[in-house]
Amino acid sequence: MNRRPVPLTARVLFALAGLCLLPAVACFAGEGARLHPALADPMAGLAFLVSAIALAGSGAFPLVMSRLAQRDEDAA
């Protein structure tokens, strides 16, 4: 069974989700003020966390489409 590689768009979106998690963790740990004064509030990390979840969900879409296409090719 020949597997397709993970689509580039999925990789980019998952990488961006990972990058969004870094300031989210920093804000929740109370270190957001070191990055920017607006990030001093711990709830600022919530925006980064929601963004990371949205980016990961968006990255899952091309991945699922690629897997479904592979399944169709294998069935044919």
C-alpha atoms as a PDB file:
ATOM      1  CA  MET A   1       0.000   0.000   0.000  1.00  0.00           C
ATOM      2  CA  ASN A   2       1.563   3.260  -1.178  1.00  0.00           C
ATOM      3  CA  ARG A   3       0.852   6.097   1.268  1.00  0.00           C
ATOM      4  CA  ARG A   4       0.726   9.727   0.250  1.00  0.00           C
ATOM      5  CA  PRO A   5       2.819  12.206   2.172  1.00  0.00           C
ATOM      6  CA  VAL A   6       1.060  14.689   4.439  1.00  0.00           C
ATOM      7  CA  PRO A   7      -0.077  17.675   2.327  1.00  0.00           C
ATOM      8  CA  LEU A   8       2.014  20.819   2.607  1.00  0.00           C
ATOM      9  CA  THR A   9      -0.976  22.913   3.684  1.00  0.00           C
ATOM     10  CA  ALA A  10      -1.646  20.555   6.590  1.00  0.00           C
ATOM     11  CA  ARG A  11       2.003  20.713   7.672  1.00  0.00           C
ATOM     12  CA  VAL A  12       2.043  24.510   7.536  1.00  0.00           C
ATOM     13  CA  LEU A  13      -1.202  24.848   9.502  1.00  0.00           C
ATOM     14  CA  PHE A  14      -0.055  22.349  12.144  1.00  0.00           C
ATOM     15  CA  ALA A  15       3.256  24.231  12.465  1.00  0.00           C
ATOM     16  CA  LEU A  16       1.402  27.508  12.916  1.00  0.00           C
ATOM     17  CA  ALA A  17      -0.803  25.866  15.549  1.00  0.00           C
ATOM     18  CA  GLY A  18       2.311  24.789  17.398  1.00  0.00           C
ATOM     19  CA  LEU A  19       3.686  28.304  17.191  1.00  0.00           C
ATOM     20  CA  CYS A  20       0.444  29.684  18.628  1.00  0.00           C
ATOM     21  CA  LEU A  21       0.723  27.316  21.563  1.00  0.00           C
ATOM     22  CA  LEU A  22       4.045  28.804  22.674  1.00  0.00           C
ATOM     23  CA  PRO A  23       2.727  32.284  23.594  1.00  0.00           C
ATOM     24  CA  ALA A  24      -0.444  30.671  24.977  1.00  0.00           C
ATOM     25  CA  VAL A  25       1.600  28.659  27.450  1.00  0.00           C
ATOM     26  CA  ALA A  26       3.728  31.725  28.224  1.00  0.00           C
ATOM     27  CA  CYS A  27       0.640  33.830  28.928  1.00  0.00           C
ATOM     28  CA  PHE A  28      -0.952  31.175  31.111  1.00  0.00           C
ATOM     29  CA  ALA A  29       2.327  30.860  33.041  1.00  0.00           C
ATOM     30  CA  GLY A  30       2.328  34.602  33.691  1.00  0.00           C
ATOM     31  CA  GLU A  31       5.293  35.351  31.435  1.00  0.00           C
ATOM     32  CA  GLY A  32       3.282  37.216  28.791  1.00  0.00           C
ATOM     33  CA  ALA A  33       4.358  40.607  30.142  1.00  0.00           C
ATOM     34  CA  ARG A  34       7.918  39.841  29.026  1.00  0.00           C
ATOM     35  CA  LEU A  35       6.698  39.555  25.443  1.00  0.00           C
ATOM     36  CA  HIS A  36       4.376  42.570  25.430  1.00  0.00           C
ATOM     37  CA  PRO A  37       2.521  44.575  28.102  1.00  0.00           C
ATOM     38  CA  ALA A  38      -0.845  43.701  26.531  1.00  0.00           C
ATOM     39  CA  LEU A  39      -0.119  40.017  27.196  1.00  0.00           C
ATOM     40  CA  ALA A  40       0.237  40.523  30.947  1.00  0.00           C
ATOM     41  CA  ASP A  41      -3.347  39.342  31.473  1.00  0.00           C
ATOM     42  CA  PRO A  42      -3.419  35.515  31.725  1.00  0.00           C
ATOM     43  CA  MET A  43      -6.625  35.468  29.680  1.00  0.00           C
ATOM     44  CA  ALA A  44      -4.613  36.787  26.721  1.00  0.00           C
ATOM     45  CA  GLY A  45      -3.391  33.222  26.392  1.00  0.00           C
ATOM     46  CA  LEU A  46      -6.941  32.155  25.669  1.00  0.00           C
ATOM     47  CA  ALA A  47      -6.861  33.967  22.328  1.00  0.00           C
ATOM     48  CA  PHE A  48      -3.664  32.146  21.373  1.00  0.00           C
ATOM     49  CA  LEU A  49      -5.114  28.834  22.532  1.00  0.00           C
ATOM     50  CA  VAL A  50      -8.295  29.289  20.498  1.00  0.00           C
ATOM     51  CA  SER A  51      -6.200  30.275  17.482  1.00  0.00           C
ATOM     52  CA  ALA A  52      -4.058  27.165  17.864  1.00  0.00           C
ATOM     53  CA  ILE A  53      -7.134  24.946  18.021  1.00  0.00           C
ATOM     54  CA  ALA A  54      -8.628  26.636  14.954  1.00  0.00           C
ATOM     55  CA  LEU A  55      -5.390  26.262  12.994  1.00  0.00           C
ATOM     56  CA  ALA A  56      -5.096  22.578  13.944  1.00  0.00           C
ATOM     57  CA  GLY A  57      -8.696  22.007  12.873  1.00  0.00           C
ATOM     58  CA  SER A  58      -8.029  23.766   9.593  1.00  0.00           C
ATOM     59  CA  GLY A  59      -4.938  21.637   9.073  1.00  0.00           C
ATOM     60  CA  ALA A  60      -6.936  18.473   9.644  1.00  0.00           C
ATOM     61  CA  PHE A  61      -9.198  19.245   6.676  1.00  0.00           C
ATOM     62  CA  PRO A  62      -6.585  18.766   3.884  1.00  0.00           C
ATOM     63  CA  LEU A  63      -5.183  15.783   5.755  1.00  0.00           C
ATOM     64  CA  VAL A  64      -8.577  14.065   5.846  1.00  0.00           C
ATOM     65  CA  MET A  65      -9.229  14.904   2.189  1.00  0.00           C
ATOM     66  CA  SER A  66      -5.870  13.385   1.243  1.00  0.00           C
ATOM     67  CA  ARG A  67      -6.608  10.217   3.223  1.00  0.00           C
ATOM     68  CA  LEU A  68     -10.051   9.890   1.615  1.00  0.00           C
ATOM     69  CA  ALA A  69      -8.541  10.309  -1.857  1.00  0.00           C
ATOM     70  CA  GLN A  70      -5.968   7.629  -1.020  1.00  0.00           C
ATOM     71  CA  ARG A  71      -8.716   5.280   0.142  1.00  0.00           C
ATOM     72  CA  ASP A  72     -10.631   5.855  -3.106  1.00  0.00           C
ATOM     73  CA  GLU A  73      -7.509   5.103  -5.147  1.00  0.00           C
ATOM     74  CA  ASP A  74      -6.848   1.923  -3.164  1.00  0.00           C
ATOM     75  CA  ALA A  75     -10.449   0.752  -3.626  1.00  0.00           C
ATOM     76  CA  ALA A  76     -10.336   1.304  -7.406  1.00  0.00           C
END
